[in-house]
Amino acid sequence: NQVRTGLARMERVVRERMTTQDVEAITPQTLINIRPVVASIKEFFGTSQLSQFMDQNNPLSGLTHKRRLSALGPGGLSRERAGLDVRDVHPSH
């Protein structure tokens, strides 16, 4: 859905630019702007409850961040549906 929104914005920008620019001077580089698509993808990964930016200070901080990741949230596990195998302590703890 987010990518579709970004592509629709990009299509609208291309259509607007096609009406305002000279036909002989039009090139794909002058028409297409990928910023709306990139912005919608960044918005998806930045605002979703299931996504986080990984702590990349050093390898150990990256490992500890991966251990703290949660599967709760929209589209993930719920507290009611989480079975015993999900609640078990990982052997690395």
N, C-alpha and C. Protein backbone atom coordinates (compact mmCIF):
# COMPACT_ATOMS: atom_id res chain seq x y z
N ASN A 1 0.82 -1.20 0.00
CA ASN A 1 0.00 0.00 0.00
C ASN A 1 0.86 1.26 0.00
N GLN A 2 1.92 1.27 0.81
CA GLN A 2 2.80 2.44 0.88
C GLN A 2 3.52 2.66 -0.45
N VAL A 3 3.98 1.58 -1.06
CA VAL A 3 4.68 1.70 -2.34
C VAL A 3 3.72 2.17 -3.42
N ARG A 4 2.50 1.67 -3.39
CA ARG A 4 1.50 2.09 -4.36
C ARG A 4 1.22 3.60 -4.23
N THR A 5 1.17 4.09 -3.01
CA THR A 5 0.96 5.52 -2.78
C THR A 5 2.12 6.33 -3.35
N GLY A 6 3.35 5.86 -3.11
CA GLY A 6 4.52 6.55 -3.64
C GLY A 6 4.55 6.55 -5.15
N LEU A 7 4.18 5.42 -5.76
CA LEU A 7 4.15 5.35 -7.22
C LEU A 7 3.07 6.26 -7.79
N ALA A 8 1.93 6.36 -7.11
CA ALA A 8 0.86 7.26 -7.58
C ALA A 8 1.32 8.71 -7.52
N ARG A 9 2.05 9.07 -6.46
CA ARG A 9 2.57 10.44 -6.37
C ARG A 9 3.57 10.70 -7.49
N MET A 10 4.44 9.72 -7.74
CA MET A 10 5.43 9.88 -8.81
C MET A 10 4.74 10.01 -10.16
N GLU A 11 3.69 9.23 -10.39
CA GLU A 11 2.95 9.31 -11.65
C GLU A 11 2.33 10.70 -11.82
N ARG A 12 1.79 11.24 -10.74
CA ARG A 12 1.18 12.57 -10.82
C ARG A 12 2.23 13.63 -11.17
N VAL A 13 3.43 13.51 -10.58
CA VAL A 13 4.50 14.46 -10.87
C VAL A 13 4.94 14.34 -12.33
N VAL A 14 5.05 13.11 -12.83
CA VAL A 14 5.46 12.90 -14.23
C VAL A 14 4.42 13.49 -15.17
N ARG A 15 3.14 13.28 -14.89
CA ARG A 15 2.08 13.83 -15.75
C ARG A 15 2.12 15.36 -15.76
N GLU A 16 2.35 15.96 -14.58
CA GLU A 16 2.43 17.42 -14.52
C GLU A 16 3.62 17.94 -15.31
N ARG A 17 4.75 17.26 -15.19
CA ARG A 17 5.95 17.70 -15.91
C ARG A 17 5.81 17.51 -17.42
N MET A 18 5.07 16.48 -17.84
CA MET A 18 4.87 16.25 -19.27
C MET A 18 4.05 17.38 -19.90
N THR A 19 3.14 17.96 -19.13
CA THR A 19 2.31 19.04 -19.69
C THR A 19 3.04 20.37 -19.72
N THR A 20 4.06 20.54 -18.86
CA THR A 20 4.71 21.84 -18.78
C THR A 20 6.00 21.93 -19.57
N GLN A 21 6.61 20.80 -19.95
CA GLN A 21 7.91 20.85 -20.63
C GLN A 21 7.76 20.71 -22.14
N ASP A 22 8.78 21.17 -22.84
CA ASP A 22 8.83 21.09 -24.29
C ASP A 22 9.02 19.64 -24.72
N VAL A 23 8.30 19.22 -25.75
CA VAL A 23 8.31 17.82 -26.19
C VAL A 23 9.71 17.40 -26.66
N GLU A 24 10.43 18.28 -27.35
CA GLU A 24 11.76 17.93 -27.86
C GLU A 24 12.80 17.85 -26.75
N ALA A 25 12.57 18.52 -25.63
CA ALA A 25 13.57 18.57 -24.56
C ALA A 25 13.30 17.55 -23.45
N ILE A 26 12.25 16.77 -23.59
CA ILE A 26 11.90 15.82 -22.52
C ILE A 26 12.84 14.62 -22.55
N THR A 27 13.39 14.30 -21.40
CA THR A 27 14.17 13.08 -21.20
C THR A 27 13.64 12.39 -19.95
N PRO A 28 13.89 11.10 -19.80
CA PRO A 28 13.42 10.42 -18.58
C PRO A 28 13.97 11.05 -17.29
N GLN A 29 15.20 11.56 -17.36
CA GLN A 29 15.79 12.17 -16.18
C GLN A 29 15.05 13.44 -15.76
N THR A 30 14.51 14.17 -16.73
CA THR A 30 13.79 15.39 -16.38
C THR A 30 12.37 15.11 -15.92
N LEU A 31 11.82 13.97 -16.31
CA LEU A 31 10.44 13.65 -15.95
C LEU A 31 10.32 12.94 -14.61
N ILE A 32 11.17 11.94 -14.40
CA ILE A 32 10.98 11.03 -13.26
C ILE A 32 11.74 11.53 -12.05
N ASN A 33 11.02 11.60 -10.94
CA ASN A 33 11.60 11.94 -9.65
C ASN A 33 11.21 10.82 -8.69
N ILE A 34 12.19 10.10 -8.17
CA ILE A 34 11.89 8.94 -7.31
C ILE A 34 11.72 9.32 -5.85
N ARG A 35 11.84 10.58 -5.51
CA ARG A 35 11.73 10.99 -4.11
C ARG A 35 10.41 10.59 -3.46
N PRO A 36 9.25 10.70 -4.13
CA PRO A 36 8.01 10.26 -3.47
C PRO A 36 8.01 8.78 -3.11
N VAL A 37 8.59 7.94 -3.97
CA VAL A 37 8.64 6.51 -3.69
C VAL A 37 9.58 6.24 -2.52
N VAL A 38 10.75 6.86 -2.54
CA VAL A 38 11.71 6.68 -1.45
C VAL A 38 11.13 7.18 -0.14
N ALA A 39 10.43 8.31 -0.18
CA ALA A 39 9.83 8.86 1.04
C ALA A 39 8.77 7.93 1.61
N SER A 40 7.96 7.33 0.75
CA SER A 40 6.92 6.43 1.25
C SER A 40 7.52 5.16 1.84
N ILE A 41 8.60 4.65 1.25
CA ILE A 41 9.26 3.46 1.81
C ILE A 41 9.90 3.79 3.15
N LYS A 42 10.56 4.94 3.23
CA LYS A 42 11.16 5.35 4.51
C LYS A 42 10.09 5.57 5.57
N GLU A 43 8.96 6.14 5.16
CA GLU A 43 7.86 6.34 6.10
C GLU A 43 7.34 5.01 6.63
N PHE A 44 7.22 4.02 5.75
CA PHE A 44 6.75 2.70 6.18
C PHE A 44 7.70 2.09 7.19
N PHE A 45 8.98 2.07 6.87
CA PHE A 45 9.94 1.44 7.77
C PHE A 45 10.21 2.27 9.01
N GLY A 46 9.94 3.56 8.97
CA GLY A 46 10.19 4.41 10.13
C GLY A 46 9.03 4.50 11.10
N THR A 47 7.80 4.24 10.63
CA THR A 47 6.64 4.43 11.50
C THR A 47 5.96 3.15 11.91
N SER A 48 6.31 2.03 11.32
CA SER A 48 5.68 0.77 11.68
C SER A 48 6.10 0.35 13.08
N GLN A 49 5.15 -0.22 13.83
CA GLN A 49 5.47 -0.67 15.19
C GLN A 49 6.40 -1.86 15.17
N LEU A 50 6.43 -2.58 14.07
CA LEU A 50 7.27 -3.78 13.99
C LEU A 50 8.67 -3.49 13.46
N SER A 51 8.96 -2.27 13.05
CA SER A 51 10.29 -1.99 12.52
C SER A 51 11.04 -1.04 13.44
N GLN A 52 12.33 -1.27 13.53
CA GLN A 52 13.21 -0.43 14.35
C GLN A 52 14.51 -0.26 13.58
N PHE A 53 15.19 0.86 13.82
CA PHE A 53 16.52 1.03 13.28
C PHE A 53 17.49 0.32 14.20
N MET A 54 18.36 -0.50 13.62
CA MET A 54 19.26 -1.30 14.43
C MET A 54 20.41 -0.45 14.97
N ASP A 55 20.74 -0.69 16.21
CA ASP A 55 21.87 -0.02 16.85
C ASP A 55 23.15 -0.61 16.27
N GLN A 56 23.93 0.20 15.55
CA GLN A 56 25.10 -0.30 14.85
C GLN A 56 26.40 0.31 15.36
N ASN A 57 26.47 0.61 16.65
CA ASN A 57 27.69 1.19 17.19
C ASN A 57 28.85 0.20 17.14
N ASN A 58 28.59 -1.02 17.55
CA ASN A 58 29.61 -2.07 17.49
C ASN A 58 28.90 -3.41 17.33
N PRO A 59 29.62 -4.48 17.04
CA PRO A 59 28.96 -5.78 16.82
C PRO A 59 28.16 -6.28 18.02
N LEU A 60 28.65 -6.02 19.22
CA LEU A 60 27.94 -6.48 20.42
C LEU A 60 26.61 -5.75 20.60
N SER A 61 26.59 -4.45 20.32
CA SER A 61 25.33 -3.71 20.45
C SER A 61 24.32 -4.18 19.40
N GLY A 62 24.79 -4.56 18.21
CA GLY A 62 23.89 -5.10 17.20
C GLY A 62 23.28 -6.41 17.64
N LEU A 63 24.07 -7.27 18.27
CA LEU A 63 23.55 -8.55 18.77
C LEU A 63 22.52 -8.34 19.87
N THR A 64 22.81 -7.44 20.81
CA THR A 64 21.85 -7.22 21.90
C THR A 64 20.57 -6.60 21.37
N HIS A 65 20.67 -5.75 20.35
CA HIS A 65 19.46 -5.16 19.77
C HIS A 65 18.60 -6.24 19.12
N LYS A 66 19.23 -7.17 18.42
CA LYS A 66 18.48 -8.25 17.77
C LYS A 66 17.79 -9.14 18.79
N ARG A 67 18.36 -9.30 19.96
CA ARG A 67 17.75 -10.13 20.99
C ARG A 67 16.53 -9.45 21.60
N ARG A 68 16.51 -8.11 21.57
CA ARG A 68 15.39 -7.38 22.17
C ARG A 68 14.22 -7.17 21.23
N LEU A 69 14.35 -7.53 19.98
CA LEU A 69 13.27 -7.30 19.02
C LEU A 69 11.99 -7.99 19.46
N SER A 70 10.89 -7.35 19.20
CA SER A 70 9.59 -7.86 19.61
C SER A 70 8.78 -8.26 18.39
N ALA A 71 8.00 -9.31 18.54
CA ALA A 71 7.12 -9.75 17.46
C ALA A 71 5.69 -9.29 17.72
N LEU A 72 5.48 -8.46 18.73
CA LEU A 72 4.14 -7.96 19.03
C LEU A 72 3.85 -6.76 18.15
N GLY A 73 2.60 -6.52 17.85
CA GLY A 73 2.21 -5.38 17.04
C GLY A 73 1.27 -5.80 15.93
N PRO A 74 0.91 -4.87 15.04
CA PRO A 74 -0.01 -5.22 13.96
C PRO A 74 0.61 -6.23 13.01
N GLY A 75 -0.10 -7.31 12.77
CA GLY A 75 0.40 -8.36 11.90
C GLY A 75 1.33 -9.33 12.57
N GLY A 76 1.67 -9.09 13.81
CA GLY A 76 2.57 -9.98 14.55
C GLY A 76 1.79 -10.82 15.54
N LEU A 77 2.48 -11.28 16.55
CA LEU A 77 1.84 -12.09 17.58
C LEU A 77 1.01 -11.22 18.51
N SER A 78 -0.01 -11.81 19.09
CA SER A 78 -0.75 -11.12 20.15
C SER A 78 -0.51 -11.89 21.44
N ARG A 79 -0.73 -11.25 22.55
CA ARG A 79 -0.49 -11.90 23.84
C ARG A 79 -1.40 -13.10 24.03
N GLU A 80 -2.58 -13.06 23.44
CA GLU A 80 -3.52 -14.16 23.60
C GLU A 80 -3.12 -15.37 22.74
N ARG A 81 -2.55 -15.12 21.55
CA ARG A 81 -2.22 -16.21 20.64
C ARG A 81 -0.81 -16.75 20.81
N ALA A 82 0.01 -16.11 21.61
CA ALA A 82 1.39 -16.56 21.78
C ALA A 82 1.42 -17.85 22.59
N GLY A 83 1.94 -18.90 22.00
CA GLY A 83 2.01 -20.19 22.67
C GLY A 83 3.22 -20.29 23.58
N LEU A 84 3.37 -21.47 24.19
CA LEU A 84 4.48 -21.67 25.11
C LEU A 84 5.83 -21.67 24.40
N ASP A 85 5.88 -22.16 23.16
CA ASP A 85 7.15 -22.18 22.44
C ASP A 85 7.66 -20.77 22.16
N VAL A 86 6.76 -19.81 21.98
CA VAL A 86 7.17 -18.42 21.77
C VAL A 86 7.66 -17.81 23.07
N ARG A 87 7.06 -18.20 24.18
CA ARG A 87 7.39 -17.61 25.47
C ARG A 87 8.62 -18.24 26.13
N ASP A 88 9.14 -19.32 25.57
CA ASP A 88 10.32 -19.96 26.15
C ASP A 88 11.52 -19.03 26.12
N VAL A 89 12.41 -19.25 27.06
CA VAL A 89 13.65 -18.48 27.12
C VAL A 89 14.62 -19.05 26.09
N HIS A 90 15.23 -18.18 25.31
CA HIS A 90 16.18 -18.61 24.29
C HIS A 90 17.44 -19.15 24.95
N PRO A 91 18.05 -20.21 24.41
CA PRO A 91 19.25 -20.79 25.04
C PRO A 91 20.42 -19.82 25.15
N SER A 92 20.43 -18.75 24.39
CA SER A 92 21.54 -17.80 24.48
C SER A 92 21.45 -16.90 25.70
N HIS A 93 20.32 -16.93 26.42
CA HIS A 93 20.17 -16.07 27.61
C HIS A 93 20.84 -16.69 28.81
